[in-house]
């Protein structure tokens, strides 16, 4: 069973920065704004997911059909993923 949690707040209040506290081995980030994450070392912890790297845990896309496919892929093939972040 999944739990949906929405985090909202003013710009600069730490919403995106709070991602750094999550375990990268259990987290997949869908970055719809295609902007860098605001904490040091994120590129070494979050590798781009693609055909050549199916174990990646980060993608830049705002295409809703791609996002749907990614969620389905995570659900069926990535049981280690416990957190899916849609980052804007």
PDB file of N, CA and C in Angstrom:
ATOM      1  N   UNK A   1       0.842  -1.175   0.000  1.00  0.00           N
ATOM      2  CA  UNK A   1       0.000   0.000   0.000  1.00  0.00           C
ATOM      3  C   UNK A   1       0.886   1.236   0.000  1.00  0.00           C
ATOM      4  N   UNK A   2       0.488   2.224  -0.741  1.00  0.00           N
ATOM      5  CA  UNK A   2       1.261   3.452  -0.855  1.00  0.00           C
ATOM      6  C   UNK A   2       0.645   4.560  -0.008  1.00  0.00           C
ATOM      7  N   UNK A   3       1.492   5.450   0.419  1.00  0.00           N
ATOM      8  CA  UNK A   3       1.056   6.667   1.111  1.00  0.00           C
ATOM      9  C   UNK A   3       1.479   7.848   0.268  1.00  0.00           C
ATOM     10  N   UNK A   4       0.579   8.768   0.030  1.00  0.00           N
ATOM     11  CA  UNK A   4       0.881   9.984  -0.708  1.00  0.00           C
ATOM     12  C   UNK A   4       1.083  11.107   0.290  1.00  0.00           C
ATOM     13  N   UNK A   5       2.233  11.753   0.185  1.00  0.00           N
ATOM     14  CA  UNK A   5       2.541  12.880   1.062  1.00  0.00           C
ATOM     15  C   UNK A   5       2.910  14.060   0.175  1.00  0.00           C
ATOM     16  N   UNK A   6       2.257  15.175   0.368  1.00  0.00           N
ATOM     17  CA  UNK A   6       2.571  16.394  -0.367  1.00  0.00           C
ATOM     18  C   UNK A   6       3.239  17.371   0.596  1.00  0.00           C
ATOM     19  N   UNK A   7       4.316  17.966   0.137  1.00  0.00           N
ATOM     20  CA  UNK A   7       5.030  18.964   0.934  1.00  0.00           C
ATOM     21  C   UNK A   7       4.900  20.290   0.213  1.00  0.00           C
ATOM     22  N   UNK A   8       4.357  21.274   0.884  1.00  0.00           N
ATOM     23  CA  UNK A   8       4.223  22.595   0.276  1.00  0.00           C
ATOM     24  C   UNK A   8       4.781  23.632   1.233  1.00  0.00           C
ATOM     25  N   UNK A   9       5.148  24.752   0.674  1.00  0.00           N
ATOM     26  CA  UNK A   9       5.689  25.834   1.481  1.00  0.00           C
ATOM     27  C   UNK A   9       6.206  26.939   0.592  1.00  0.00           C
ATOM     28  N   UNK A  10       6.619  28.000   1.213  1.00  0.00           N
ATOM     29  CA  UNK A  10       7.147  29.154   0.487  1.00  0.00           C
ATOM     30  C   UNK A  10       8.455  28.799  -0.208  1.00  0.00           C
ATOM     31  N   UNK A  11       8.743  29.523  -1.275  1.00  0.00           N
ATOM     32  CA  UNK A  11      10.003  29.357  -1.980  1.00  0.00           C
ATOM     33  C   UNK A  11      11.165  29.575  -1.017  1.00  0.00           C
ATOM     34  N   UNK A  12      12.132  28.666  -1.067  1.00  0.00           N
ATOM     35  CA  UNK A  12      13.310  28.799  -0.215  1.00  0.00           C
ATOM     36  C   UNK A  12      13.136  28.269   1.190  1.00  0.00           C
ATOM     37  N   UNK A  13      12.035  27.592   1.462  1.00  0.00           N
ATOM     38  CA  UNK A  13      11.784  27.112   2.826  1.00  0.00           C
ATOM     39  C   UNK A  13      12.386  25.739   3.115  1.00  0.00           C
ATOM     40  N   UNK A  14      13.034  25.098   2.120  1.00  0.00           N
ATOM     41  CA  UNK A  14      13.739  23.846   2.369  1.00  0.00           C
ATOM     42  C   UNK A  14      13.054  22.588   1.881  1.00  0.00           C
ATOM     43  N   UNK A  15      12.024  22.730   1.086  1.00  0.00           N
ATOM     44  CA  UNK A  15      11.307  21.552   0.591  1.00  0.00           C
ATOM     45  C   UNK A  15      12.234  20.649  -0.220  1.00  0.00           C
ATOM     46  N   UNK A  16      12.904  21.188  -1.211  1.00  0.00           N
ATOM     47  CA  UNK A  16      13.802  20.392  -2.049  1.00  0.00           C
ATOM     48  C   UNK A  16      15.050  19.961  -1.286  1.00  0.00           C
ATOM     49  N   UNK A  17      15.551  20.811  -0.436  1.00  0.00           N
ATOM     50  CA  UNK A  17      16.749  20.471   0.340  1.00  0.00           C
ATOM     51  C   UNK A  17      16.500  19.296   1.277  1.00  0.00           C
ATOM     52  N   UNK A  18      15.265  19.107   1.696  1.00  0.00           N
ATOM     53  CA  UNK A  18      14.960  18.012   2.616  1.00  0.00           C
ATOM     54  C   UNK A  18      15.152  16.641   1.964  1.00  0.00           C
ATOM     55  N   UNK A  19      15.230  16.578   0.643  1.00  0.00           N
ATOM     56  CA  UNK A  19      15.474  15.310  -0.053  1.00  0.00           C
ATOM     57  C   UNK A  19      16.802  14.702   0.388  1.00  0.00           C
ATOM     58  N   UNK A  20      17.757  15.532   0.768  1.00  0.00           N
ATOM     59  CA  UNK A  20      19.083  15.026   1.150  1.00  0.00           C
ATOM     60  C   UNK A  20      19.027  14.076   2.341  1.00  0.00           C
ATOM     61  N   UNK A  21      17.948  14.114   3.131  1.00  0.00           N
ATOM     62  CA  UNK A  21      17.827  13.230   4.294  1.00  0.00           C
ATOM     63  C   UNK A  21      17.307  11.843   3.937  1.00  0.00           C
ATOM     64  N   UNK A  22      16.849  11.657   2.701  1.00  0.00           N
ATOM     65  CA  UNK A  22      16.337  10.359   2.270  1.00  0.00           C
ATOM     66  C   UNK A  22      17.472   9.447   1.822  1.00  0.00           C
ATOM     67  N   UNK A  23      17.282   8.166   1.963  1.00  0.00           N
ATOM     68  CA  UNK A  23      18.263   7.174   1.530  1.00  0.00           C
ATOM     69  C   UNK A  23      18.194   7.058   0.002  1.00  0.00           C
ATOM     70  N   UNK A  24      19.273   7.409  -0.721  1.00  0.00           N
ATOM     71  CA  UNK A  24      19.248   7.342  -2.190  1.00  0.00           C
ATOM     72  C   UNK A  24      18.991   5.934  -2.725  1.00  0.00           C
ATOM     73  N   UNK A  25      19.347   4.905  -1.976  1.00  0.00           N
ATOM     74  CA  UNK A  25      19.116   3.523  -2.416  1.00  0.00           C
ATOM     75  C   UNK A  25      17.634   3.180  -2.432  1.00  0.00           C
ATOM     76  N   UNK A  26      16.817   3.961  -1.719  1.00  0.00           N
ATOM     77  CA  UNK A  26      15.379   3.717  -1.641  1.00  0.00           C
ATOM     78  C   UNK A  26      14.553   4.829  -2.285  1.00  0.00           C
ATOM     79  N   UNK A  27      15.226   5.760  -2.975  1.00  0.00           N
ATOM     80  CA  UNK A  27      14.547   6.957  -3.466  1.00  0.00           C
ATOM     81  C   UNK A  27      14.762   7.132  -4.965  1.00  0.00           C
ATOM     82  N   UNK A  28      13.695   7.493  -5.668  1.00  0.00           N
ATOM     83  CA  UNK A  28      13.744   7.806  -7.096  1.00  0.00           C
ATOM     84  C   UNK A  28      13.173   9.203  -7.263  1.00  0.00           C
ATOM     85  N   UNK A  29      13.914  10.067  -7.963  1.00  0.00           N
ATOM     86  CA  UNK A  29      13.480  11.455  -8.157  1.00  0.00           C
ATOM     87  C   UNK A  29      13.101  11.683  -9.616  1.00  0.00           C
ATOM     88  N   UNK A  30      11.898  12.190  -9.814  1.00  0.00           N
ATOM     89  CA  UNK A  30      11.430  12.623 -11.137  1.00  0.00           C
ATOM     90  C   UNK A  30      11.449  14.149 -11.095  1.00  0.00           C
ATOM     91  N   UNK A  31      12.379  14.750 -11.809  1.00  0.00           N
ATOM     92  CA  UNK A  31      12.594  16.195 -11.771  1.00  0.00           C
ATOM     93  C   UNK A  31      11.874  16.836 -12.961  1.00  0.00           C
ATOM     94  N   UNK A  32      10.685  17.365 -12.725  1.00  0.00           N
ATOM     95  CA  UNK A  32       9.886  17.907 -13.823  1.00  0.00           C
ATOM     96  C   UNK A  32      10.340  19.288 -14.276  1.00  0.00           C
ATOM     97  N   UNK A  33      11.097  19.982 -13.453  1.00  0.00           N
ATOM     98  CA  UNK A  33      11.576  21.325 -13.815  1.00  0.00           C
ATOM     99  C   UNK A  33      12.976  21.296 -14.419  1.00  0.00           C
ATOM    100  N   UNK A  34      13.607  20.131 -14.414  1.00  0.00           N
ATOM    101  CA  UNK A  34      14.960  19.961 -14.969  1.00  0.00           C
ATOM    102  C   UNK A  34      15.975  20.944 -14.394  1.00  0.00           C
ATOM    103  N   UNK A  35      15.869  21.221 -13.103  1.00  0.00           N
ATOM    104  CA  UNK A  35      16.849  22.096 -12.460  1.00  0.00           C
ATOM    105  C   UNK A  35      17.663  21.271 -11.469  1.00  0.00           C
ATOM    106  N   UNK A  36      18.887  21.691 -11.181  1.00  0.00           N
ATOM    107  CA  UNK A  36      19.718  20.920 -10.255  1.00  0.00           C
ATOM    108  C   UNK A  36      19.119  20.905  -8.841  1.00  0.00           C
ATOM    109  N   UNK A  37      19.378  19.833  -8.125  1.00  0.00           N
ATOM    110  CA  UNK A  37      18.918  19.766  -6.743  1.00  0.00           C
ATOM    111  C   UNK A  37      19.775  20.681  -5.876  1.00  0.00           C
ATOM    112  N   UNK A  38      19.207  21.246  -4.818  1.00  0.00           N
ATOM    113  CA  UNK A  38      19.903  22.289  -4.056  1.00  0.00           C
ATOM    114  C   UNK A  38      20.755  21.795  -2.881  1.00  0.00           C
ATOM    115  N   UNK A  39      21.383  20.631  -3.034  1.00  0.00           N
ATOM    116  CA  UNK A  39      22.271  20.195  -1.963  1.00  0.00           C
ATOM    117  C   UNK A  39      23.526  19.555  -2.549  1.00  0.00           C
ATOM    118  N   UNK A  40      24.598  19.702  -1.821  1.00  0.00           N
ATOM    119  CA  UNK A  40      25.908  19.244  -2.260  1.00  0.00           C
ATOM    120  C   UNK A  40      25.933  17.715  -2.390  1.00  0.00           C
ATOM    121  N   UNK A  41      26.529  17.245  -3.465  1.00  0.00           N
ATOM    122  CA  UNK A  41      26.733  15.823  -3.669  1.00  0.00           C
ATOM    123  C   UNK A  41      25.567  15.067  -4.265  1.00  0.00           C
ATOM    124  N   UNK A  42      24.540  15.764  -4.695  1.00  0.00           N
ATOM    125  CA  UNK A  42      23.371  15.043  -5.204  1.00  0.00           C
ATOM    126  C   UNK A  42      23.682  14.249  -6.464  1.00  0.00           C
ATOM    127  N   UNK A  43      24.582  14.758  -7.300  1.00  0.00           N
ATOM    128  CA  UNK A  43      24.898  14.051  -8.554  1.00  0.00           C
ATOM    129  C   UNK A  43      25.575  12.704  -8.309  1.00  0.00           C
ATOM    130  N   UNK A  44      26.315  12.578  -7.224  1.00  0.00           N
ATOM    131  CA  UNK A  44      26.961  11.301  -6.928  1.00  0.00           C
ATOM    132  C   UNK A  44      25.990  10.304  -6.306  1.00  0.00           C
ATOM    133  N   UNK A  45      24.918  10.791  -5.705  1.00  0.00           N
ATOM    134  CA  UNK A  45      23.933   9.919  -5.059  1.00  0.00           C
ATOM    135  C   UNK A  45      22.778   9.547  -5.980  1.00  0.00           C
ATOM    136  N   UNK A  46      22.464  10.414  -6.928  1.00  0.00           N
ATOM    137  CA  UNK A  46      21.324  10.209  -7.823  1.00  0.00           C
ATOM    138  C   UNK A  46      21.813  10.138  -9.262  1.00  0.00           C
ATOM    139  N   UNK A  47      21.820   8.932  -9.808  1.00  0.00           N
ATOM    140  CA  UNK A  47      22.298   8.679 -11.172  1.00  0.00           C
ATOM    141  C   UNK A  47      21.110   8.620 -12.132  1.00  0.00           C
ATOM    142  N   UNK A  48      21.318   9.136 -13.320  1.00  0.00           N
ATOM    143  CA  UNK A  48      20.251   9.183 -14.323  1.00  0.00           C
ATOM    144  C   UNK A  48      19.791   7.783 -14.710  1.00  0.00           C
ATOM    145  N   UNK A  49      18.469   7.615 -14.703  1.00  0.00           N
ATOM    146  CA  UNK A  49      17.847   6.365 -15.126  1.00  0.00           C
ATOM    147  C   UNK A  49      17.613   6.426 -16.621  1.00  0.00           C
ATOM    148  N   UNK A  50      18.050   5.389 -17.333  1.00  0.00           N
ATOM    149  CA  UNK A  50      17.810   5.286 -18.773  1.00  0.00           C
ATOM    150  C   UNK A  50      18.021   3.834 -19.195  1.00  0.00           C
ATOM    151  N   UNK A  51      17.945   3.566 -20.471  1.00  0.00           N
ATOM    152  CA  UNK A  51      18.087   2.190 -20.958  1.00  0.00           C
ATOM    153  C   UNK A  51      19.439   1.591 -20.620  1.00  0.00           C
ATOM    154  N   UNK A  52      20.483   2.400 -20.642  1.00  0.00           N
ATOM    155  CA  UNK A  52      21.808   1.878 -20.324  1.00  0.00           C
ATOM    156  C   UNK A  52      22.080   1.832 -18.825  1.00  0.00           C
ATOM    157  N   UNK A  53      21.258   2.498 -18.031  1.00  0.00           N
ATOM    158  CA  UNK A  53      21.401   2.469 -16.574  1.00  0.00           C
ATOM    159  C   UNK A  53      20.026   2.251 -15.921  1.00  0.00           C
ATOM    160  N   UNK A  54      19.490   1.025 -16.007  1.00  0.00           N
ATOM    161  CA  UNK A  54      18.162   0.763 -15.450  1.00  0.00           C
ATOM    162  C   UNK A  54      18.121   0.792 -13.924  1.00  0.00           C
ATOM    163  N   UNK A  55      19.288   0.877 -13.290  1.00  0.00           N
ATOM    164  CA  UNK A  55      19.349   0.967 -11.834  1.00  0.00           C
ATOM    165  C   UNK A  55      19.457   2.418 -11.361  1.00  0.00           C
ATOM    166  N   UNK A  56      19.376   3.377 -12.295  1.00  0.00           N
ATOM    167  CA  UNK A  56      19.429   4.787 -11.926  1.00  0.00           C
ATOM    168  C   UNK A  56      18.242   5.176 -11.061  1.00  0.00           C
ATOM    169  N   UNK A  57      18.350   6.342 -10.423  1.00  0.00           N
ATOM    170  CA  UNK A  57      17.291   6.782  -9.507  1.00  0.00           C
ATOM    171  C   UNK A  57      16.929   8.253  -9.694  1.00  0.00           C
ATOM    172  N   UNK A  58      17.145   8.773 -10.901  1.00  0.00           N
ATOM    173  CA  UNK A  58      16.885  10.190 -11.184  1.00  0.00           C
ATOM    174  C   UNK A  58      16.570  10.352 -12.665  1.00  0.00           C
ATOM    175  N   UNK A  59      15.585  11.177 -12.972  1.00  0.00           N
ATOM    176  CA  UNK A  59      15.305  11.501 -14.378  1.00  0.00           C
ATOM    177  C   UNK A  59      14.725  12.908 -14.462  1.00  0.00           C
ATOM    178  N   UNK A  60      15.106  13.618 -15.508  1.00  0.00           N
ATOM    179  CA  UNK A  60      14.520  14.913 -15.844  1.00  0.00           C
ATOM    180  C   UNK A  60      13.463  14.688 -16.914  1.00  0.00           C
ATOM    181  N   UNK A  61      12.195  14.885 -16.585  1.00  0.00           N
ATOM    182  CA  UNK A  61      11.125  14.800 -17.581  1.00  0.00           C
ATOM    183  C   UNK A  61       9.860  15.438 -17.026  1.00  0.00           C
ATOM    184  N   UNK A  62       9.116  16.054 -17.919  1.00  0.00           N
ATOM    185  CA  UNK A  62       7.789  16.550 -17.548  1.00  0.00           C
ATOM    186  C   UNK A  62       6.719  15.889 -18.416  1.00  0.00           C
ATOM    187  N   UNK A  63       7.126  14.895 -19.209  1.00  0.00           N
ATOM    188  CA  UNK A  63       6.212  14.172 -20.084  1.00  0.00           C
ATOM    189  C   UNK A  63       5.386  13.199 -19.244  1.00  0.00           C
ATOM    190  N   UNK A  64       4.088  13.434 -19.159  1.00  0.00           N
ATOM    191  CA  UNK A  64       3.227  12.644 -18.282  1.00  0.00           C
ATOM    192  C   UNK A  64       3.208  11.166 -18.668  1.00  0.00           C
ATOM    193  N   UNK A  65       3.320  10.853 -19.949  1.00  0.00           N
ATOM    194  CA  UNK A  65       3.335   9.438 -20.346  1.00  0.00           C
ATOM    195  C   UNK A  65       4.631   8.762 -19.891  1.00  0.00           C
ATOM    196  N   UNK A  66       5.745   9.478 -19.942  1.00  0.00           N
ATOM    197  CA  UNK A  66       7.019   8.941 -19.449  1.00  0.00           C
ATOM    198  C   UNK A  66       6.945   8.752 -17.936  1.00  0.00           C
ATOM    199  N   UNK A  67       6.371   9.721 -17.231  1.00  0.00           N
ATOM    200  CA  UNK A  67       6.238   9.618 -15.779  1.00  0.00           C
ATOM    201  C   UNK A  67       5.390   8.400 -15.420  1.00  0.00           C
ATOM    202  N   UNK A  68       4.296   8.184 -16.131  1.00  0.00           N
ATOM    203  CA  UNK A  68       3.464   7.008 -15.897  1.00  0.00           C
ATOM    204  C   UNK A  68       4.229   5.715 -16.112  1.00  0.00           C
ATOM    205  N   UNK A  69       5.023   5.669 -17.166  1.00  0.00           N
ATOM    206  CA  UNK A  69       5.836   4.482 -17.450  1.00  0.00           C
ATOM    207  C   UNK A  69       6.874   4.250 -16.363  1.00  0.00           C
ATOM    208  N   UNK A  70       7.483   5.322 -15.886  1.00  0.00           N
ATOM    209  CA  UNK A  70       8.488   5.202 -14.821  1.00  0.00           C
ATOM    210  C   UNK A  70       7.840   4.670 -13.542  1.00  0.00           C
ATOM    211  N   UNK A  71       6.686   5.206 -13.191  1.00  0.00           N
ATOM    212  CA  UNK A  71       6.001   4.737 -11.984  1.00  0.00           C
ATOM    213  C   UNK A  71       5.641   3.262 -12.095  1.00  0.00           C
ATOM    214  N   UNK A  72       5.189   2.844 -13.264  1.00  0.00           N
ATOM    215  CA  UNK A  72       4.883   1.434 -13.486  1.00  0.00           C
ATOM    216  C   UNK A  72       6.144   0.581 -13.378  1.00  0.00           C
ATOM    217  N   UNK A  73       7.247   1.047 -13.969  1.00  0.00           N
ATOM    218  CA  UNK A  73       8.520   0.331 -13.914  1.00  0.00           C
ATOM    219  C   UNK A  73       8.978   0.171 -12.462  1.00  0.00           C
ATOM    220  N   UNK A  74       8.924   1.254 -11.709  1.00  0.00           N
ATOM    221  CA  UNK A  74       9.326   1.194 -10.300  1.00  0.00           C
ATOM    222  C   UNK A  74       8.446   0.197  -9.545  1.00  0.00           C
ATOM    223  N   UNK A  75       7.153   0.240  -9.798  1.00  0.00           N
ATOM    224  CA  UNK A  75       6.211  -0.637  -9.111  1.00  0.00           C
ATOM    225  C   UNK A  75       6.473  -2.114  -9.400  1.00  0.00           C
ATOM    226  N   UNK A  76       6.838  -2.442 -10.630  1.00  0.00           N
ATOM    227  CA  UNK A  76       6.997  -3.838 -11.013  1.00  0.00           C
ATOM    228  C   UNK A  76       8.422  -4.370 -10.939  1.00  0.00           C
ATOM    229  N   UNK A  77       9.427  -3.486 -11.099  1.00  0.00           N
ATOM    230  CA  UNK A  77      10.803  -3.978 -11.218  1.00  0.00           C
ATOM    231  C   UNK A  77      11.790  -3.417 -10.193  1.00  0.00           C
ATOM    232  N   UNK A  78      11.360  -2.477  -9.381  1.00  0.00           N
ATOM    233  CA  UNK A  78      12.297  -1.861  -8.427  1.00  0.00           C
ATOM    234  C   UNK A  78      11.737  -1.923  -7.000  1.00  0.00           C
ATOM    235  N   UNK A  79      11.647  -3.104  -6.412  1.00  0.00           N
ATOM    236  CA  UNK A  79      11.054  -3.233  -5.075  1.00  0.00           C
ATOM    237  C   UNK A  79      11.826  -2.495  -3.989  1.00  0.00           C
ATOM    238  N   UNK A  80      13.075  -2.164  -4.247  1.00  0.00           N
ATOM    239  CA  UNK A  80      13.881  -1.444  -3.247  1.00  0.00           C
ATOM    240  C   UNK A  80      13.491   0.027  -3.132  1.00  0.00           C
ATOM    241  N   UNK A  81      12.792   0.555  -4.135  1.00  0.00           N
ATOM    242  CA  UNK A  81      12.390   1.969  -4.120  1.00  0.00           C
ATOM    243  C   UNK A  81      11.184   2.141  -3.200  1.00  0.00           C
ATOM    244  N   UNK A  82      11.379   2.919  -2.147  1.00  0.00           N
ATOM    245  CA  UNK A  82      10.321   3.181  -1.161  1.00  0.00           C
ATOM    246  C   UNK A  82       9.774   4.602  -1.270  1.00  0.00           C
ATOM    247  N   UNK A  83      10.552   5.508  -1.879  1.00  0.00           N
ATOM    248  CA  UNK A  83      10.176   6.918  -1.984  1.00  0.00           C
ATOM    249  C   UNK A  83      10.282   7.354  -3.446  1.00  0.00           C
ATOM    250  N   UNK A  84       9.213   7.912  -3.973  1.00  0.00           N
ATOM    251  CA  UNK A  84       9.244   8.512  -5.306  1.00  0.00           C
ATOM    252  C   UNK A  84       8.943   9.995  -5.114  1.00  0.00           C
ATOM    253  N   UNK A  85       9.873  10.837  -5.517  1.00  0.00           N
ATOM    254  CA  UNK A  85       9.748  12.266  -5.380  1.00  0.00           C
ATOM    255  C   UNK A  85       9.479  12.865  -6.756  1.00  0.00           C
ATOM    256  N   UNK A  86       8.418  13.642  -6.882  1.00  0.00           N
ATOM    257  CA  UNK A  86       8.185  14.424  -8.086  1.00  0.00           C
ATOM    258  C   UNK A  86       8.590  15.847  -7.715  1.00  0.00           C
ATOM    259  N   UNK A  87       9.749  16.236  -8.173  1.00  0.00           N
ATOM    260  CA  UNK A  87      10.393  17.488  -7.779  1.00  0.00           C
ATOM    261  C   UNK A  87      10.166  18.559  -8.835  1.00  0.00           C
ATOM    262  N   UNK A  88       9.737  19.734  -8.387  1.00  0.00           N
ATOM    263  CA  UNK A  88       9.549  20.825  -9.339  1.00  0.00           C
ATOM    264  C   UNK A  88      10.400  22.000  -8.964  1.00  0.00           C
TER     265      UNK A  88
END
